[in-house]
Amino acid sequence: MKKTIAGVLLLGFSSTTFAVAPGGPGCGWGNMLLEGKSGLAMHMFAGTTNGTWGNATFGMTFGTNGCSVDGALTYGGNSLVWFDGVLDEYSTDVAMGHGEALGAVAVMIGVEPADRAHFGEVMHDNFEVLFPTTETTAQEVLNTMIVVMANDETLKKYVG
């Protein structure tokens, strides 16, 4: 069960990480050196080059290296893929107040280890708010979870 949940989360998360790079799609020396190239290896090499030398950060700061911070960042993935895959297990774990899916969701949204037990308690205490009907969608659960977390002194730092 652990491997299944971890696999679904990792697959869903990794397949949803497409975005216009900070600074723009042509930002940094890696993009300059590999202009016109395509494929996973070339994109990874460009990203590694930009990250290793810090030139994209420099470019965004000073408006050089093909970088600009004028435009809005975009996201082309589907953020619910990872959550949809564990919604049933998550609802069961929230009802109990503990479990693998509850822990996996806490990890995926960035809850620090010291706050994960509290996260489980808060979700458990708000089960009826999170899952008001059996037809509640993943998007509705996520929206409600954000509100519940924002209203908790310990958890609000993860959604603010």
N, C-alpha and C. Protein backbone atom coordinates (compact mmCIF):
# COMPACT_ATOMS: atom_id res chain seq x y z
N MET A 1 0.82 -1.20 0.00
CA MET A 1 0.00 0.00 0.00
C MET A 1 0.86 1.26 0.00
N LYS A 2 1.93 1.28 0.84
CA LYS A 2 2.80 2.45 0.89
C LYS A 2 3.41 2.74 -0.47
N LYS A 3 3.88 1.68 -1.13
CA LYS A 3 4.51 1.87 -2.44
C LYS A 3 3.51 2.37 -3.47
N THR A 4 2.28 1.91 -3.40
CA THR A 4 1.26 2.35 -4.34
C THR A 4 0.97 3.83 -4.16
N ILE A 5 0.77 4.25 -2.92
CA ILE A 5 0.48 5.66 -2.64
C ILE A 5 1.66 6.52 -3.04
N ALA A 6 2.86 6.13 -2.65
CA ALA A 6 4.06 6.90 -3.01
C ALA A 6 4.22 6.97 -4.52
N GLY A 7 3.97 5.87 -5.21
CA GLY A 7 4.08 5.85 -6.67
C GLY A 7 3.09 6.79 -7.33
N VAL A 8 1.84 6.76 -6.88
CA VAL A 8 0.82 7.64 -7.44
C VAL A 8 1.18 9.09 -7.19
N LEU A 9 1.62 9.41 -5.98
CA LEU A 9 1.98 10.79 -5.66
C LEU A 9 3.16 11.26 -6.49
N LEU A 10 4.20 10.45 -6.57
CA LEU A 10 5.39 10.85 -7.32
C LEU A 10 5.09 10.96 -8.81
N LEU A 11 4.36 10.01 -9.36
CA LEU A 11 4.01 10.07 -10.77
C LEU A 11 3.15 11.29 -11.05
N GLY A 12 2.14 11.49 -10.23
CA GLY A 12 1.27 12.65 -10.42
C GLY A 12 2.01 13.95 -10.27
N PHE A 13 2.86 14.04 -9.26
CA PHE A 13 3.61 15.28 -9.01
C PHE A 13 4.59 15.53 -10.14
N SER A 14 5.33 14.51 -10.56
CA SER A 14 6.33 14.71 -11.59
C SER A 14 5.70 15.04 -12.93
N SER A 15 4.50 14.55 -13.20
CA SER A 15 3.87 14.84 -14.47
C SER A 15 3.18 16.19 -14.49
N THR A 16 3.19 16.90 -13.38
CA THR A 16 2.50 18.18 -13.32
C THR A 16 3.45 19.34 -13.13
N THR A 17 4.72 19.16 -13.41
CA THR A 17 5.69 20.20 -13.09
C THR A 17 6.11 21.03 -14.28
N PHE A 18 5.29 21.15 -15.30
CA PHE A 18 5.64 21.95 -16.45
C PHE A 18 5.21 23.40 -16.22
N ALA A 19 6.16 24.33 -16.39
CA ALA A 19 5.85 25.73 -16.20
C ALA A 19 6.80 26.56 -17.03
N VAL A 20 6.41 27.79 -17.35
CA VAL A 20 7.35 28.71 -17.94
C VAL A 20 8.35 29.04 -16.85
N ALA A 21 9.61 28.91 -17.18
CA ALA A 21 10.67 29.08 -16.19
C ALA A 21 10.67 30.49 -15.64
N PRO A 22 11.03 30.64 -14.37
CA PRO A 22 11.19 31.99 -13.82
C PRO A 22 12.18 32.77 -14.68
N GLY A 23 11.84 33.99 -14.99
CA GLY A 23 12.70 34.81 -15.83
C GLY A 23 12.36 34.68 -17.31
N GLY A 24 11.47 33.77 -17.64
CA GLY A 24 11.06 33.58 -19.02
C GLY A 24 11.65 32.33 -19.63
N PRO A 25 11.08 31.89 -20.74
CA PRO A 25 11.50 30.63 -21.34
C PRO A 25 12.89 30.65 -21.95
N GLY A 26 13.48 31.81 -22.20
CA GLY A 26 14.81 31.89 -22.80
C GLY A 26 15.85 32.43 -21.84
N CYS A 27 15.62 32.29 -20.56
CA CYS A 27 16.45 32.92 -19.54
C CYS A 27 17.65 32.06 -19.17
N GLY A 28 18.84 32.66 -19.17
CA GLY A 28 20.04 32.00 -18.67
C GLY A 28 20.98 31.48 -19.75
N TRP A 29 22.22 31.22 -19.34
CA TRP A 29 23.25 30.76 -20.28
C TRP A 29 22.91 29.39 -20.84
N GLY A 30 22.29 28.53 -20.03
CA GLY A 30 21.94 27.20 -20.53
C GLY A 30 21.01 27.29 -21.73
N ASN A 31 20.05 28.19 -21.67
CA ASN A 31 19.13 28.39 -22.79
C ASN A 31 19.85 29.01 -23.97
N MET A 32 20.79 29.93 -23.70
CA MET A 32 21.54 30.55 -24.78
C MET A 32 22.42 29.51 -25.49
N LEU A 33 23.13 28.69 -24.72
CA LEU A 33 24.02 27.69 -25.30
C LEU A 33 23.29 26.62 -26.09
N LEU A 34 22.10 26.27 -25.65
CA LEU A 34 21.36 25.17 -26.26
C LEU A 34 20.16 25.64 -27.08
N GLU A 35 20.17 26.90 -27.46
CA GLU A 35 19.06 27.45 -28.23
C GLU A 35 18.77 26.58 -29.45
N GLY A 36 17.50 26.27 -29.65
CA GLY A 36 17.07 25.46 -30.78
C GLY A 36 17.06 23.96 -30.51
N LYS A 37 17.67 23.53 -29.43
CA LYS A 37 17.70 22.10 -29.10
C LYS A 37 16.40 21.73 -28.40
N SER A 38 16.06 20.45 -28.42
CA SER A 38 14.86 20.00 -27.73
C SER A 38 15.13 18.65 -27.09
N GLY A 39 14.18 18.21 -26.32
CA GLY A 39 14.29 16.92 -25.66
C GLY A 39 14.63 17.07 -24.18
N LEU A 40 14.32 16.01 -23.44
CA LEU A 40 14.52 16.02 -21.99
C LEU A 40 15.96 16.32 -21.60
N ALA A 41 16.91 15.66 -22.24
CA ALA A 41 18.32 15.84 -21.89
C ALA A 41 18.76 17.29 -22.06
N MET A 42 18.36 17.92 -23.17
CA MET A 42 18.76 19.30 -23.43
C MET A 42 18.13 20.26 -22.42
N HIS A 43 16.86 20.03 -22.07
CA HIS A 43 16.20 20.88 -21.08
C HIS A 43 16.84 20.72 -19.70
N MET A 44 17.16 19.50 -19.36
CA MET A 44 17.80 19.27 -18.06
C MET A 44 19.19 19.88 -18.02
N PHE A 45 19.94 19.77 -19.11
CA PHE A 45 21.27 20.36 -19.15
C PHE A 45 21.19 21.88 -19.05
N ALA A 46 20.22 22.48 -19.76
CA ALA A 46 20.04 23.93 -19.68
C ALA A 46 19.69 24.35 -18.26
N GLY A 47 18.77 23.62 -17.63
CA GLY A 47 18.38 23.94 -16.26
C GLY A 47 19.53 23.79 -15.29
N THR A 48 20.33 22.73 -15.48
CA THR A 48 21.48 22.50 -14.61
C THR A 48 22.52 23.61 -14.80
N THR A 49 22.76 23.97 -16.05
CA THR A 49 23.72 25.05 -16.33
C THR A 49 23.26 26.34 -15.67
N ASN A 50 22.00 26.68 -15.84
CA ASN A 50 21.47 27.91 -15.23
C ASN A 50 21.57 27.87 -13.71
N GLY A 51 21.23 26.72 -13.12
CA GLY A 51 21.26 26.60 -11.66
C GLY A 51 22.66 26.56 -11.09
N THR A 52 23.58 25.87 -11.78
CA THR A 52 24.95 25.73 -11.28
C THR A 52 25.66 27.07 -11.24
N TRP A 53 25.51 27.85 -12.27
CA TRP A 53 26.23 29.12 -12.35
C TRP A 53 25.44 30.29 -11.77
N GLY A 54 24.18 30.09 -11.46
CA GLY A 54 23.37 31.17 -10.88
C GLY A 54 23.09 32.29 -11.85
N ASN A 55 23.31 32.04 -13.15
CA ASN A 55 23.17 33.12 -14.13
C ASN A 55 21.73 33.51 -14.39
N ALA A 56 20.79 32.59 -14.21
CA ALA A 56 19.39 32.96 -14.39
C ALA A 56 18.96 33.91 -13.27
N THR A 57 19.40 33.62 -12.06
CA THR A 57 19.09 34.51 -10.93
C THR A 57 19.70 35.89 -11.16
N PHE A 58 20.96 35.91 -11.59
CA PHE A 58 21.63 37.18 -11.91
C PHE A 58 20.86 37.91 -13.00
N GLY A 59 20.49 37.17 -14.04
CA GLY A 59 19.76 37.77 -15.16
C GLY A 59 18.42 38.34 -14.75
N MET A 60 17.71 37.63 -13.88
CA MET A 60 16.42 38.15 -13.42
C MET A 60 16.61 39.41 -12.56
N THR A 61 17.68 39.43 -11.79
CA THR A 61 17.94 40.57 -10.91
C THR A 61 18.30 41.82 -11.72
N PHE A 62 19.14 41.64 -12.75
CA PHE A 62 19.66 42.79 -13.48
C PHE A 62 19.11 42.94 -14.91
N GLY A 63 18.19 42.06 -15.29
CA GLY A 63 17.58 42.17 -16.62
C GLY A 63 18.52 41.78 -17.75
N THR A 64 19.44 40.85 -17.50
CA THR A 64 20.38 40.39 -18.51
C THR A 64 20.15 38.91 -18.81
N ASN A 65 20.99 38.33 -19.65
CA ASN A 65 20.96 36.90 -19.97
C ASN A 65 19.63 36.42 -20.53
N GLY A 66 18.90 37.32 -21.20
CA GLY A 66 17.62 36.94 -21.78
C GLY A 66 16.50 36.81 -20.76
N CYS A 67 16.73 37.31 -19.57
CA CYS A 67 15.77 37.13 -18.48
C CYS A 67 14.91 38.38 -18.26
N SER A 68 13.69 38.17 -17.83
CA SER A 68 12.78 39.25 -17.50
C SER A 68 11.82 38.74 -16.42
N VAL A 69 11.44 39.61 -15.54
CA VAL A 69 10.45 39.26 -14.53
C VAL A 69 9.15 40.04 -14.74
N ASP A 70 8.98 40.57 -15.95
CA ASP A 70 7.79 41.36 -16.26
C ASP A 70 6.54 40.51 -16.41
N GLY A 71 6.66 39.34 -17.00
CA GLY A 71 5.51 38.49 -17.26
C GLY A 71 5.13 37.65 -16.07
N ALA A 72 3.92 37.14 -16.10
CA ALA A 72 3.43 36.26 -15.03
C ALA A 72 3.90 34.83 -15.29
N LEU A 73 4.21 34.12 -14.22
CA LEU A 73 4.55 32.71 -14.34
C LEU A 73 3.30 31.94 -14.73
N THR A 74 3.49 30.89 -15.49
CA THR A 74 2.36 30.08 -15.92
C THR A 74 2.60 28.63 -15.52
N TYR A 75 1.54 27.87 -15.54
CA TYR A 75 1.62 26.45 -15.19
C TYR A 75 0.77 25.68 -16.16
N GLY A 76 1.33 24.67 -16.78
CA GLY A 76 0.60 23.92 -17.80
C GLY A 76 0.13 22.55 -17.37
N GLY A 77 0.34 22.19 -16.12
CA GLY A 77 -0.03 20.85 -15.66
C GLY A 77 -1.37 20.82 -14.98
N ASN A 78 -1.69 19.68 -14.43
CA ASN A 78 -2.94 19.49 -13.72
C ASN A 78 -2.60 19.16 -12.27
N SER A 79 -2.78 20.11 -11.38
CA SER A 79 -2.33 19.94 -10.00
C SER A 79 -3.13 18.90 -9.21
N LEU A 80 -4.24 18.44 -9.74
CA LEU A 80 -5.06 17.49 -9.00
C LEU A 80 -4.72 16.04 -9.29
N VAL A 81 -3.84 15.78 -10.25
CA VAL A 81 -3.54 14.40 -10.61
C VAL A 81 -3.08 13.61 -9.40
N TRP A 82 -2.18 14.14 -8.64
CA TRP A 82 -1.65 13.41 -7.49
C TRP A 82 -2.71 13.23 -6.42
N PHE A 83 -3.57 14.19 -6.20
CA PHE A 83 -4.55 14.12 -5.12
C PHE A 83 -5.73 13.24 -5.49
N ASP A 84 -6.15 13.33 -6.74
CA ASP A 84 -7.26 12.49 -7.20
C ASP A 84 -6.97 11.01 -7.00
N GLY A 85 -5.70 10.64 -7.17
CA GLY A 85 -5.32 9.24 -7.08
C GLY A 85 -5.39 8.65 -5.68
N VAL A 86 -5.42 9.50 -4.65
CA VAL A 86 -5.45 9.00 -3.27
C VAL A 86 -6.64 9.52 -2.48
N LEU A 87 -7.62 10.11 -3.17
CA LEU A 87 -8.74 10.74 -2.47
C LEU A 87 -9.49 9.76 -1.57
N ASP A 88 -9.76 8.56 -2.05
CA ASP A 88 -10.49 7.58 -1.23
C ASP A 88 -9.69 7.20 0.01
N GLU A 89 -8.40 6.90 -0.19
CA GLU A 89 -7.54 6.54 0.95
C GLU A 89 -7.39 7.72 1.91
N TYR A 90 -7.29 8.93 1.33
CA TYR A 90 -7.16 10.13 2.16
C TYR A 90 -8.40 10.33 3.03
N SER A 91 -9.59 10.16 2.45
CA SER A 91 -10.81 10.36 3.23
C SER A 91 -10.90 9.34 4.37
N THR A 92 -10.49 8.11 4.10
CA THR A 92 -10.48 7.09 5.16
C THR A 92 -9.51 7.46 6.26
N ASP A 93 -8.32 7.90 5.88
CA ASP A 93 -7.31 8.29 6.87
C ASP A 93 -7.74 9.51 7.67
N VAL A 94 -8.37 10.48 7.01
CA VAL A 94 -8.86 11.67 7.73
C VAL A 94 -9.91 11.24 8.75
N ALA A 95 -10.79 10.33 8.37
CA ALA A 95 -11.81 9.84 9.30
C ALA A 95 -11.17 9.19 10.52
N MET A 96 -10.05 8.49 10.33
CA MET A 96 -9.35 7.85 11.46
C MET A 96 -8.41 8.80 12.18
N GLY A 97 -7.94 9.83 11.48
CA GLY A 97 -7.01 10.78 12.08
C GLY A 97 -5.55 10.41 11.89
N HIS A 98 -5.29 9.36 11.13
CA HIS A 98 -3.91 8.94 10.85
C HIS A 98 -3.92 7.99 9.65
N GLY A 99 -2.76 7.78 9.07
CA GLY A 99 -2.65 6.84 7.96
C GLY A 99 -1.66 7.29 6.92
N GLU A 100 -1.35 6.37 6.01
CA GLU A 100 -0.34 6.62 4.99
C GLU A 100 -0.74 7.72 4.01
N ALA A 101 -1.96 7.71 3.55
CA ALA A 101 -2.40 8.73 2.59
C ALA A 101 -2.43 10.11 3.24
N LEU A 102 -2.87 10.17 4.48
CA LEU A 102 -2.88 11.44 5.20
C LEU A 102 -1.46 11.98 5.33
N GLY A 103 -0.54 11.11 5.68
CA GLY A 103 0.86 11.51 5.78
C GLY A 103 1.45 11.90 4.44
N ALA A 104 1.10 11.17 3.38
CA ALA A 104 1.61 11.47 2.05
C ALA A 104 1.12 12.84 1.57
N VAL A 105 -0.14 13.15 1.82
CA VAL A 105 -0.67 14.46 1.43
C VAL A 105 0.04 15.56 2.22
N ALA A 106 0.27 15.34 3.49
CA ALA A 106 1.00 16.34 4.30
C ALA A 106 2.38 16.59 3.71
N VAL A 107 3.06 15.53 3.32
CA VAL A 107 4.39 15.66 2.72
C VAL A 107 4.30 16.43 1.40
N MET A 108 3.34 16.07 0.55
CA MET A 108 3.22 16.70 -0.77
C MET A 108 2.90 18.18 -0.70
N ILE A 109 2.19 18.60 0.34
CA ILE A 109 1.89 20.03 0.44
C ILE A 109 2.91 20.78 1.28
N GLY A 110 3.94 20.06 1.74
CA GLY A 110 5.06 20.72 2.41
C GLY A 110 4.96 20.87 3.91
N VAL A 111 4.09 20.13 4.56
CA VAL A 111 3.99 20.22 6.02
C VAL A 111 5.25 19.59 6.63
N GLU A 112 5.91 20.34 7.48
CA GLU A 112 7.13 19.88 8.11
C GLU A 112 6.84 18.70 9.03
N PRO A 113 7.83 17.81 9.20
CA PRO A 113 7.62 16.62 10.05
C PRO A 113 7.09 16.95 11.45
N ALA A 114 7.54 18.02 12.04
CA ALA A 114 7.10 18.39 13.39
C ALA A 114 5.62 18.75 13.44
N ASP A 115 5.03 19.14 12.31
CA ASP A 115 3.64 19.58 12.28
C ASP A 115 2.68 18.54 11.68
N ARG A 116 3.19 17.40 11.25
CA ARG A 116 2.34 16.42 10.56
C ARG A 116 1.30 15.77 11.46
N ALA A 117 1.63 15.49 12.70
CA ALA A 117 0.64 14.92 13.62
C ALA A 117 -0.49 15.94 13.85
N HIS A 118 -0.11 17.20 14.00
CA HIS A 118 -1.12 18.25 14.18
C HIS A 118 -1.98 18.38 12.92
N PHE A 119 -1.36 18.29 11.76
CA PHE A 119 -2.10 18.32 10.50
C PHE A 119 -3.16 17.21 10.49
N GLY A 120 -2.75 16.00 10.89
CA GLY A 120 -3.68 14.87 10.94
C GLY A 120 -4.84 15.13 11.89
N GLU A 121 -4.54 15.70 13.05
CA GLU A 121 -5.58 16.00 14.04
C GLU A 121 -6.57 17.04 13.51
N VAL A 122 -6.03 18.09 12.88
CA VAL A 122 -6.89 19.16 12.36
C VAL A 122 -7.77 18.63 11.23
N MET A 123 -7.18 17.84 10.35
CA MET A 123 -7.99 17.27 9.26
C MET A 123 -9.07 16.36 9.83
N HIS A 124 -8.72 15.54 10.82
CA HIS A 124 -9.68 14.64 11.46
C HIS A 124 -10.82 15.43 12.11
N ASP A 125 -10.46 16.47 12.83
CA ASP A 125 -11.47 17.31 13.50
C ASP A 125 -12.40 18.00 12.51
N ASN A 126 -11.95 18.15 11.27
CA ASN A 126 -12.73 18.84 10.24
C ASN A 126 -13.22 17.89 9.14
N PHE A 127 -13.32 16.61 9.45
CA PHE A 127 -13.72 15.62 8.45
C PHE A 127 -15.03 16.00 7.77
N GLU A 128 -16.04 16.37 8.55
CA GLU A 128 -17.35 16.69 7.97
C GLU A 128 -17.31 17.96 7.13
N VAL A 129 -16.37 18.84 7.43
CA VAL A 129 -16.21 20.06 6.62
C VAL A 129 -15.51 19.71 5.31
N LEU A 130 -14.50 18.85 5.39
CA LEU A 130 -13.75 18.45 4.20
C LEU A 130 -14.57 17.55 3.26
N PHE A 131 -15.35 16.67 3.85
CA PHE A 131 -16.13 15.69 3.07
C PHE A 131 -17.60 15.78 3.45
N PRO A 132 -18.29 16.86 3.05
CA PRO A 132 -19.69 17.03 3.45
C PRO A 132 -20.63 16.01 2.80
N THR A 133 -20.26 15.49 1.63
CA THR A 133 -21.06 14.46 0.96
C THR A 133 -20.14 13.41 0.36
N THR A 134 -20.71 12.32 -0.07
CA THR A 134 -19.92 11.28 -0.74
C THR A 134 -19.55 11.69 -2.16
N GLU A 135 -20.16 12.76 -2.64
CA GLU A 135 -19.89 13.26 -4.00
C GLU A 135 -18.87 14.39 -4.02
N THR A 136 -18.25 14.71 -2.90
CA THR A 136 -17.29 15.80 -2.82
C THR A 136 -16.11 15.51 -3.74
N THR A 137 -15.72 16.51 -4.55
CA THR A 137 -14.64 16.32 -5.51
C THR A 137 -13.28 16.63 -4.87
N ALA A 138 -12.24 16.19 -5.54
CA ALA A 138 -10.87 16.46 -5.07
C ALA A 138 -10.64 17.96 -4.99
N GLN A 139 -11.11 18.72 -5.97
CA GLN A 139 -10.92 20.18 -5.95
C GLN A 139 -11.62 20.80 -4.75
N GLU A 140 -12.82 20.34 -4.44
CA GLU A 140 -13.55 20.86 -3.28
C GLU A 140 -12.80 20.54 -1.98
N VAL A 141 -12.28 19.32 -1.89
CA VAL A 141 -11.53 18.94 -0.69
C VAL A 141 -10.29 19.81 -0.55
N LEU A 142 -9.55 20.01 -1.65
CA LEU A 142 -8.35 20.86 -1.59
C LEU A 142 -8.70 22.29 -1.21
N ASN A 143 -9.74 22.84 -1.81
CA ASN A 143 -10.15 24.21 -1.48
C ASN A 143 -10.49 24.33 0.00
N THR A 144 -11.24 23.37 0.52
CA THR A 144 -11.64 23.39 1.93
C THR A 144 -10.45 23.17 2.83
N MET A 145 -9.54 22.28 2.43
CA MET A 145 -8.34 22.01 3.22
C MET A 145 -7.51 23.28 3.38
N ILE A 146 -7.41 24.07 2.33
CA ILE A 146 -6.66 25.33 2.40
C ILE A 146 -7.30 26.28 3.39
N VAL A 147 -8.63 26.37 3.38
CA VAL A 147 -9.34 27.24 4.32
C VAL A 147 -9.15 26.75 5.76
N VAL A 148 -9.28 25.44 5.96
CA VAL A 148 -9.09 24.87 7.30
C VAL A 148 -7.67 25.15 7.80
N MET A 149 -6.69 24.94 6.94
CA MET A 149 -5.30 25.18 7.33
C MET A 149 -5.06 26.67 7.61
N ALA A 150 -5.64 27.55 6.81
CA ALA A 150 -5.46 28.99 6.99
C ALA A 150 -6.04 29.46 8.32
N ASN A 151 -7.02 28.75 8.83
CA ASN A 151 -7.65 29.12 10.11
C ASN A 151 -6.98 28.48 11.32
N ASP A 152 -5.91 27.73 11.11
CA ASP A 152 -5.19 27.08 12.20
C ASP A 152 -3.86 27.79 12.39
N GLU A 153 -3.56 28.18 13.62
CA GLU A 153 -2.33 28.93 13.92
C GLU A 153 -1.06 28.20 13.46
N THR A 154 -1.01 26.91 13.62
CA THR A 154 0.19 26.15 13.27
C THR A 154 0.28 25.90 11.77
N LEU A 155 -0.84 25.63 11.12
CA LEU A 155 -0.83 25.22 9.72
C LEU A 155 -0.94 26.37 8.73
N LYS A 156 -1.30 27.56 9.18
CA LYS A 156 -1.51 28.66 8.22
C LYS A 156 -0.24 29.04 7.48
N LYS A 157 0.92 28.74 8.05
CA LYS A 157 2.17 29.08 7.37
C LYS A 157 2.38 28.27 6.09
N TYR A 158 1.66 27.18 5.93
CA TYR A 158 1.80 26.34 4.74
C TYR A 158 0.90 26.76 3.59
N VAL A 159 -0.03 27.63 3.84
CA VAL A 159 -0.95 28.07 2.79
C VAL A 159 -0.93 29.56 2.56
N GLY A 160 -0.14 30.28 3.30
CA GLY A 160 -0.13 31.74 3.20
C GLY A 160 0.91 32.29 2.41
